[in-house]
Amino acid sequence: MYQNKVYVTDILNKMGHIMERFKLLSRKKSFKKEEIDNIDYHLSEIMKVLNKYN
């Protein structure tokens, strides 16, 4: 059980870093539509997995 908690914490930390990086970059540059579509696709896939547990 302890390993599971550490693993979840690692994922949450990665998600936090991704959000901060995206915020920073989006203030400094414009992303191409294809890049935004790719990011949106992957976030949608993550949400599908998370929504299985609601």
Protein backbone atom coordinates (compact mmCIF):
# COMPACT_ATOMS: atom_id res chain seq x y z
CA MET A 1 0.00 0.00 0.00
CA TYR A 2 2.84 2.41 0.77
CA GLN A 3 4.30 1.96 -2.73
CA ASN A 4 0.93 2.89 -4.24
CA LYS A 5 0.86 6.15 -2.27
CA VAL A 6 4.37 7.07 -3.40
CA TYR A 7 3.44 6.30 -7.00
CA VAL A 8 0.34 8.51 -6.83
CA THR A 9 2.40 11.31 -5.29
CA ASP A 10 4.90 11.02 -8.16
CA ILE A 11 2.09 11.30 -10.71
CA LEU A 12 0.59 14.32 -8.94
CA ASN A 13 4.00 16.00 -8.89
CA LYS A 14 4.44 15.37 -12.63
CA MET A 15 0.98 16.78 -13.34
CA GLY A 16 1.82 19.88 -11.31
CA HIS A 17 5.07 20.37 -13.22
CA ILE A 18 3.25 19.95 -16.53
CA MET A 19 0.67 22.57 -15.58
CA GLU A 20 3.30 25.07 -14.45
CA ARG A 21 5.39 24.49 -17.59
CA PHE A 22 2.34 24.90 -19.84
CA LYS A 23 1.34 28.13 -18.08
CA LEU A 24 4.85 29.53 -18.42
CA LEU A 25 5.24 28.58 -22.07
CA SER A 26 1.76 29.77 -23.05
CA ARG A 27 2.63 33.26 -21.79
CA LYS A 28 5.79 33.36 -23.88
CA LYS A 29 4.82 31.69 -27.15
CA SER A 30 1.93 30.59 -29.29
CA PHE A 31 1.42 26.91 -29.80
CA LYS A 32 0.54 25.50 -33.21
CA LYS A 33 -2.96 24.09 -33.57
CA GLU A 34 -1.51 20.58 -34.02
CA GLU A 35 0.42 20.91 -30.76
CA ILE A 36 -2.67 22.04 -28.85
CA ASP A 37 -4.69 19.23 -30.42
CA ASN A 38 -2.01 16.73 -29.33
CA ILE A 39 -1.99 18.07 -25.76
CA ASP A 40 -5.80 18.03 -25.66
CA TYR A 41 -5.90 14.45 -26.92
CA HIS A 42 -3.56 13.21 -24.21
CA LEU A 43 -5.40 15.11 -21.48
CA SER A 44 -8.67 13.60 -22.72
CA GLU A 45 -7.15 10.13 -22.49
CA ILE A 46 -6.03 10.82 -18.91
CA MET A 47 -9.54 12.02 -18.05
CA LYS A 48 -11.05 8.83 -19.52
CA VAL A 49 -8.90 6.75 -17.17
CA LEU A 50 -9.72 8.94 -14.15
CA ASN A 51 -13.46 8.99 -14.96
CA LYS A 52 -13.58 5.19 -14.74
CA TYR A 53 -13.34 5.57 -10.96
CA ASN A 54 -16.23 7.98 -10.43
